[in-house]
């Protein structure tokens, strides 16, 4: 049994507000712009919440943002790419993996390539800038050339590696801002968020460290990483689900996924609490041969207190003991340990 983490969700009480100024006046006073630049990276270290590898096909169709298609052609197993958009292929890639940057005018787009049952690509770069002193990176997670798809693309606020989904609202040093990427992928339009909000607080009891804990709202508009929210994180009200996360102990890593977990509901003037982690329940498949029970570690599924799942988890010390019961009689049938355990 392990106790992984718990979340305490508190909502703030609404305070009386002064009459608001006309929208045009508010925008002029509060909206600001963050310049964005594209950066490609061969050493991809970003952890995406929903990484996608898309088929290259006959070209990279980025007409939505770059106004053109960077065409491709196959020569045996080698991939020919038109990297400058002039209609003629000028780059050849072969082998199992590759990295290519395509440019059109002042725009650039980088991809990671892998030849696995055909050539596929995933993002190899991001838009980056600084918002109120904090670094922000925005990734085209759905591979369509646009960096503005809320709930589909991804972003990292700060210096970490774990990305959330692209959110309409971000928390920068305790302040909420509504953000929007312009059509040219050249700037981020930012406005102070004026909607109702509450506070999520992360309380973790574990021998490991919470490296990431990505939440996403039911409507897909908001996403946050709770890993650094020990002192609380202000977020817009709504219903949030845990999408993915990672725990670390030394070099060991444990993945968290949604599983059967319940929503965390944050409503105005309400206080909510949700707990992740222990007690952890295991469900497993087994076979009985020659009077013995055979249990395989890769056929054991671990569920936390709210139904979230844990993958690649190896309990510290000896193997846990699994007791098998007959569901009809409730009688113990057998006991088992992982193979190789005492």
Protein backbone atom coordinates (compact mmCIF):
# COMPACT_ATOMS: atom_id res chain seq x y z
CA UNK A 1 0.00 0.00 0.00
CA UNK A 2 1.33 3.46 -0.82
CA UNK A 3 0.04 6.91 -0.14
CA UNK A 4 0.76 8.91 -3.28
CA UNK A 5 -0.87 12.30 -3.01
CA UNK A 6 -4.00 14.22 -2.16
CA UNK A 7 -5.54 17.36 -3.53
CA UNK A 8 -7.45 19.90 -1.53
CA UNK A 9 -9.63 22.11 -3.67
CA UNK A 10 -10.75 25.41 -2.17
CA UNK A 11 -12.82 28.07 -3.83
CA UNK A 12 -12.56 31.76 -3.11
CA UNK A 13 -15.54 33.79 -1.94
CA UNK A 14 -16.70 36.40 -4.39
CA UNK A 15 -16.06 39.99 -3.30
CA UNK A 16 -18.07 43.04 -4.34
CA UNK A 17 -16.70 44.63 -7.48
CA UNK A 18 -16.74 48.15 -8.78
CA UNK A 19 -18.79 48.76 -11.92
CA UNK A 20 -16.72 47.59 -14.86
CA UNK A 21 -15.51 49.95 -17.55
CA UNK A 22 -16.62 49.55 -21.17
CA UNK A 23 -14.94 46.57 -22.88
CA UNK A 24 -12.94 48.75 -25.27
CA UNK A 25 -11.55 50.82 -22.38
CA UNK A 26 -10.66 47.70 -20.32
CA UNK A 27 -8.89 46.11 -23.30
CA UNK A 28 -6.85 49.22 -23.97
CA UNK A 29 -5.72 49.40 -20.35
CA UNK A 30 -4.99 45.76 -19.58
CA UNK A 31 -4.22 43.77 -22.74
CA UNK A 32 -0.55 43.23 -23.57
CA UNK A 33 1.36 41.30 -26.21
CA UNK A 34 4.18 38.78 -25.78
CA UNK A 35 6.45 38.30 -28.82
CA UNK A 36 6.91 34.64 -29.80
CA UNK A 37 9.80 32.99 -31.65
CA UNK A 38 9.99 29.48 -33.05
CA UNK A 39 12.75 27.18 -31.83
CA UNK A 40 13.46 23.67 -33.06
CA UNK A 41 15.33 21.16 -30.92
CA UNK A 42 16.95 17.91 -31.98
CA UNK A 43 17.13 16.73 -28.36
CA UNK A 44 13.44 16.50 -27.61
CA UNK A 45 12.85 16.46 -23.84
CA UNK A 46 9.27 17.76 -23.69
CA UNK A 47 6.72 15.40 -22.11
CA UNK A 48 3.45 15.92 -23.96
CA UNK A 49 0.11 15.02 -22.32
CA UNK A 50 -1.21 13.45 -25.56
CA UNK A 51 1.69 13.02 -27.99
CA UNK A 52 0.56 12.16 -31.51
CA UNK A 53 2.52 10.74 -34.45
CA UNK A 54 0.86 11.58 -37.78
CA UNK A 55 1.47 10.01 -41.18
CA UNK A 56 3.61 12.16 -43.47
CA UNK A 57 1.76 11.07 -46.60
CA UNK A 58 2.47 13.29 -49.59
CA UNK A 59 3.41 16.36 -47.59
CA UNK A 60 3.07 18.56 -44.52
CA UNK A 61 -0.14 20.53 -44.99
CA UNK A 62 0.42 23.77 -43.09
CA UNK A 63 -1.78 25.99 -45.26
CA UNK A 64 -3.65 27.05 -42.13
CA UNK A 65 -0.62 28.87 -40.75
CA UNK A 66 2.14 28.92 -43.38
CA UNK A 67 -0.12 29.26 -46.40
CA UNK A 68 1.38 26.29 -48.22
CA UNK A 69 2.22 22.58 -48.26
CA UNK A 70 5.76 21.27 -47.85
CA UNK A 71 5.50 18.33 -50.22
CA UNK A 72 7.23 14.97 -49.76
CA UNK A 73 8.03 11.98 -51.98
CA UNK A 74 9.25 8.44 -51.31
CA UNK A 75 12.24 6.88 -53.02
CA UNK A 76 12.23 3.33 -51.74
CA UNK A 77 12.43 3.78 -47.97
CA UNK A 78 14.02 7.24 -48.21
CA UNK A 79 11.87 10.32 -47.69
CA UNK A 80 12.37 13.40 -49.89
CA UNK A 81 11.18 16.70 -48.39
CA UNK A 82 10.65 20.17 -49.85
CA UNK A 83 12.00 22.06 -46.83
CA UNK A 84 11.73 25.59 -48.24
CA UNK A 85 8.30 25.37 -49.86
CA UNK A 86 9.45 26.12 -53.42
CA UNK A 87 7.85 22.95 -54.82
CA UNK A 88 11.10 20.97 -55.27
CA UNK A 89 12.37 18.44 -52.73
CA UNK A 90 15.78 19.35 -51.32
CA UNK A 91 16.24 17.21 -48.19
CA UNK A 92 16.61 13.42 -48.02
CA UNK A 93 16.10 11.45 -44.81
CA UNK A 94 16.61 7.74 -44.27
CA UNK A 95 17.02 5.24 -41.50
CA UNK A 96 14.70 4.96 -38.50
CA UNK A 97 14.61 8.53 -37.16
CA UNK A 98 15.36 12.05 -38.38
CA UNK A 99 14.88 15.73 -37.59
CA UNK A 100 13.99 18.37 -40.20
CA UNK A 101 13.23 22.08 -40.06
CA UNK A 102 11.05 23.62 -42.79
CA UNK A 103 11.05 27.35 -43.49
CA UNK A 104 8.77 29.64 -45.43
CA UNK A 105 9.56 33.36 -45.33
CA UNK A 106 9.91 34.31 -41.67
CA UNK A 107 8.09 31.19 -40.46
CA UNK A 108 9.69 27.90 -39.40
CA UNK A 109 8.39 24.50 -38.37
CA UNK A 110 10.45 21.53 -37.11
CA UNK A 111 9.45 17.87 -37.00
CA UNK A 112 10.76 14.66 -35.51
CA UNK A 113 10.46 11.80 -37.97
CA UNK A 114 10.32 8.05 -37.46
CA UNK A 115 10.11 5.29 -40.05
CA UNK A 116 7.86 2.77 -38.35
CA UNK A 117 5.42 1.12 -40.73
CA UNK A 118 5.73 4.22 -42.86
CA UNK A 119 7.10 7.69 -42.17
CA UNK A 120 5.39 9.53 -39.31
CA UNK A 121 6.04 12.89 -37.67
CA UNK A 122 5.56 14.66 -34.35
CA UNK A 123 6.47 18.21 -33.28
CA UNK A 124 10.19 19.00 -33.04
CA UNK A 125 9.97 22.57 -31.82
CA UNK A 126 7.82 25.19 -30.11
CA UNK A 127 6.92 28.86 -29.94
CA UNK A 128 8.59 30.51 -26.99
CA UNK A 129 8.41 33.85 -25.21
CA UNK A 130 8.32 35.40 -21.75
CA UNK A 131 5.11 36.36 -19.96
CA UNK A 132 5.52 38.48 -16.81
CA UNK A 133 9.04 37.12 -16.31
CA UNK A 134 8.08 33.45 -16.86
CA UNK A 135 9.16 31.42 -19.87
CA UNK A 136 6.31 29.97 -21.93
CA UNK A 137 6.53 27.31 -24.65
CA UNK A 138 3.65 26.40 -26.94
CA UNK A 139 3.69 23.13 -28.91
CA UNK A 140 1.61 22.10 -31.93
CA UNK A 141 0.64 18.78 -30.35
CA UNK A 142 -2.00 17.87 -32.97
CA UNK A 143 0.47 18.38 -35.87
CA UNK A 144 -1.72 20.65 -38.03
CA UNK A 145 0.65 23.64 -38.21
CA UNK A 146 -1.40 25.79 -35.86
CA UNK A 147 -0.29 26.62 -32.33
CA UNK A 148 -3.66 28.02 -31.27
CA UNK A 149 -5.81 24.91 -30.77
CA UNK A 150 -7.02 25.16 -27.16
CA UNK A 151 -7.37 21.76 -25.53
CA UNK A 152 -5.48 20.07 -28.38
CA UNK A 153 -2.08 21.76 -28.49
CA UNK A 154 0.21 21.95 -25.46
CA UNK A 155 2.14 24.47 -23.36
CA UNK A 156 4.80 24.63 -20.68
CA UNK A 157 4.92 27.54 -18.27
CA UNK A 158 8.28 27.85 -16.54
CA UNK A 159 11.38 25.69 -16.88
CA UNK A 160 9.91 22.20 -16.51
CA UNK A 161 9.56 19.45 -19.12
CA UNK A 162 5.96 18.37 -18.53
CA UNK A 163 3.43 20.14 -20.76
CA UNK A 164 -0.24 20.74 -20.05
CA UNK A 165 -2.82 21.05 -22.79
CA UNK A 166 -3.00 24.52 -24.33
CA UNK A 167 -5.21 26.44 -21.92
CA UNK A 168 -7.25 29.60 -22.44
CA UNK A 169 -6.10 30.69 -18.97
CA UNK A 170 -2.65 30.40 -17.35
CA UNK A 171 -1.48 31.11 -13.83
CA UNK A 172 1.64 33.29 -13.83
CA UNK A 173 3.12 33.94 -10.39
CA UNK A 174 -0.30 33.66 -8.78
CA UNK A 175 -2.15 35.82 -11.34
CA UNK A 176 -4.55 34.46 -13.96
CA UNK A 177 -4.32 35.60 -17.59
CA UNK A 178 -6.41 34.75 -20.63
CA UNK A 179 -4.09 34.03 -23.56
CA UNK A 180 -4.47 33.69 -27.33
CA UNK A 181 -1.91 32.94 -30.07
CA UNK A 182 -2.31 35.20 -33.09
CA UNK A 183 -2.83 33.74 -36.58
CA UNK A 184 0.76 34.43 -37.62
CA UNK A 185 2.17 32.48 -34.64
CA UNK A 186 4.23 35.60 -33.86
CA UNK A 187 2.70 36.84 -30.61
CA UNK A 188 0.62 35.93 -27.58
CA UNK A 189 -2.28 38.23 -26.71
CA UNK A 190 -2.71 38.38 -22.91
CA UNK A 191 -5.50 39.83 -20.77
CA UNK A 192 -6.04 39.55 -16.99
CA UNK A 193 -8.71 36.90 -16.30
CA UNK A 194 -11.82 38.37 -14.67
CA UNK A 195 -13.98 35.26 -14.25
CA UNK A 196 -14.76 33.27 -11.07
CA UNK A 197 -11.88 31.20 -9.73
CA UNK A 198 -10.92 28.87 -6.91
CA UNK A 199 -7.78 27.30 -5.50
CA UNK A 200 -6.36 23.82 -6.01
CA UNK A 201 -3.87 22.67 -3.40
CA UNK A 202 -1.53 19.71 -3.72
CA UNK A 203 -0.66 17.77 -0.58
CA UNK A 204 1.65 14.83 -1.24
CA UNK A 205 2.60 12.02 1.14
CA UNK A 206 5.00 9.72 -0.68
CA UNK A 207 8.56 8.44 -0.67
CA UNK A 208 8.79 9.72 -4.24
CA UNK A 209 8.26 13.10 -5.86
CA UNK A 210 5.33 14.30 -7.95
CA UNK A 211 7.02 15.27 -11.21
CA UNK A 212 3.78 16.15 -13.01
CA UNK A 213 0.03 15.94 -12.47
CA UNK A 214 -1.87 17.30 -15.46
CA UNK A 215 -5.48 18.35 -15.06
CA UNK A 216 -7.88 19.28 -17.86
CA UNK A 217 -11.33 20.85 -17.55
CA UNK A 218 -14.35 19.01 -18.88
CA UNK A 219 -14.90 21.63 -21.60
CA UNK A 220 -11.22 21.37 -22.64
CA UNK A 221 -10.60 25.10 -22.17
CA UNK A 222 -8.36 24.94 -19.10
CA UNK A 223 -5.40 22.76 -18.13
CA UNK A 224 -2.89 22.98 -15.28
CA UNK A 225 0.05 21.06 -13.80
CA UNK A 226 -0.43 20.47 -10.08
CA UNK A 227 3.14 19.28 -9.44
CA UNK A 228 4.20 22.69 -8.13
CA UNK A 229 0.98 23.54 -6.34
CA UNK A 230 1.93 22.63 -2.78
CA UNK A 231 0.99 26.15 -1.68
CA UNK A 232 -2.14 26.27 -3.81
CA UNK A 233 -2.90 27.21 -7.40
CA UNK A 234 -5.65 29.57 -8.47
CA UNK A 235 -7.70 28.24 -11.43
CA UNK A 236 -11.03 29.06 -13.11
CA UNK A 237 -14.05 27.27 -11.64
CA UNK A 238 -15.16 24.10 -13.38
CA UNK A 239 -14.93 20.31 -13.41
CA UNK A 240 -11.40 18.95 -13.86
CA UNK A 241 -10.06 15.46 -14.51
CA UNK A 242 -6.58 14.09 -13.97
CA UNK A 243 -5.28 13.17 -17.43
CA UNK A 244 -1.73 12.04 -16.78
CA UNK A 245 1.14 12.42 -14.37
CA UNK A 246 4.46 11.04 -13.25
CA UNK A 247 6.00 10.15 -9.90
CA UNK A 248 9.73 9.73 -9.41
CA UNK A 249 11.98 8.03 -6.88
CA UNK A 250 15.63 8.14 -7.91
CA UNK A 251 15.72 6.89 -11.50
CA UNK A 252 12.42 5.01 -11.16
CA UNK A 253 9.30 6.49 -12.74
CA UNK A 254 5.63 5.70 -12.17
CA UNK A 255 3.03 6.90 -14.69
CA UNK A 256 -0.40 8.08 -13.58
CA UNK A 257 -3.32 7.91 -16.00
CA UNK A 258 -7.02 8.74 -15.78
CA UNK A 259 -8.26 5.18 -15.31
CA UNK A 260 -11.58 5.32 -13.47
CA UNK A 261 -10.82 8.51 -11.60
CA UNK A 262 -13.53 10.97 -10.68
CA UNK A 263 -13.76 14.64 -11.58
CA UNK A 264 -12.55 17.36 -9.25
CA UNK A 265 -15.36 19.92 -9.16
CA UNK A 266 -14.50 23.49 -8.26
CA UNK A 267 -17.53 25.75 -7.89
CA UNK A 268 -17.84 29.32 -6.74
CA UNK A 269 -18.21 29.69 -2.96
CA UNK A 270 -17.73 25.95 -2.43
CA UNK A 271 -14.90 23.93 -0.92
CA UNK A 272 -13.98 20.63 -2.54
CA UNK A 273 -11.45 17.96 -1.72
CA UNK A 274 -10.17 15.07 -3.79
CA UNK A 275 -7.50 12.54 -2.90
CA UNK A 276 -5.20 10.55 -5.16
CA UNK A 277 -2.90 7.71 -4.18
CA UNK A 278 -3.26 5.04 -1.51
CA UNK A 279 -4.72 2.78 -0.60
CA UNK A 280 -3.86 1.21 -3.96
CA UNK A 281 -5.96 -1.70 -5.19
CA UNK A 282 -4.58 -4.27 -7.63
CA UNK A 283 -6.55 -6.19 -10.22
CA UNK A 284 -4.77 -9.00 -12.00
CA UNK A 285 -5.06 -11.95 -14.34
CA UNK A 286 -3.74 -15.37 -13.36
CA UNK A 287 -3.63 -18.98 -14.50
CA UNK A 288 -3.74 -22.20 -12.53
CA UNK A 289 -1.46 -24.94 -13.81
CA UNK A 290 -0.59 -28.19 -12.06
CA UNK A 291 -2.15 -26.92 -8.86
CA UNK A 292 -0.08 -23.71 -8.90
CA UNK A 293 -1.11 -20.11 -9.44
CA UNK A 294 0.86 -18.27 -12.14
CA UNK A 295 0.86 -14.48 -11.87
CA UNK A 296 2.57 -12.14 -14.36
CA UNK A 297 3.65 -8.59 -13.31
CA UNK A 298 2.63 -7.11 -16.69
CA UNK A 299 -0.92 -8.31 -16.14
CA UNK A 300 -1.47 -6.45 -12.88
CA UNK A 301 -3.39 -3.17 -12.88
CA UNK A 302 -3.06 -0.72 -9.96
CA UNK A 303 -5.87 1.68 -9.05
CA UNK A 304 -5.57 4.56 -6.60
CA UNK A 305 -8.15 5.83 -4.13
CA UNK A 306 -10.17 7.71 -6.78
CA UNK A 307 -9.71 5.13 -9.54
CA UNK A 308 -6.61 6.60 -11.21
CA UNK A 309 -4.20 4.01 -12.60
CA UNK A 310 -0.47 3.57 -11.95
CA UNK A 311 1.77 2.09 -14.63
CA UNK A 312 5.38 0.83 -14.45
CA UNK A 313 5.01 0.63 -10.71
CA UNK A 314 7.37 -1.76 -8.88
CA UNK A 315 6.68 -1.79 -5.14
CA UNK A 316 9.70 -1.18 -2.91
CA UNK A 317 11.09 -4.25 -1.17
CA UNK A 318 9.52 -7.70 -1.53
CA UNK A 319 6.68 -8.46 -3.89
CA UNK A 320 3.21 -7.77 -2.47
CA UNK A 321 1.18 -10.84 -1.59
CA UNK A 322 -1.88 -11.42 -3.77
CA UNK A 323 -4.75 -13.32 -2.18
CA UNK A 324 -7.26 -14.87 -4.59
CA UNK A 325 -10.86 -15.33 -3.52
CA UNK A 326 -13.78 -17.15 -5.08
CA UNK A 327 -16.30 -14.43 -5.97
CA UNK A 328 -19.29 -16.73 -5.31
CA UNK A 329 -18.28 -18.21 -1.97
CA UNK A 330 -15.85 -15.61 -0.69
CA UNK A 331 -13.43 -18.36 0.21
CA UNK A 332 -9.70 -17.96 -0.28
CA UNK A 333 -8.53 -19.94 -3.30
CA UNK A 334 -4.78 -19.27 -3.36
CA UNK A 335 -1.99 -16.82 -2.68
CA UNK A 336 0.62 -15.62 -5.18
CA UNK A 337 3.74 -13.47 -5.50
CA UNK A 338 5.47 -12.02 -8.57
CA UNK A 339 7.76 -14.52 -10.29
CA UNK A 340 11.22 -14.50 -8.75
CA UNK A 341 10.01 -13.01 -5.46
CA UNK A 342 10.30 -14.78 -2.16
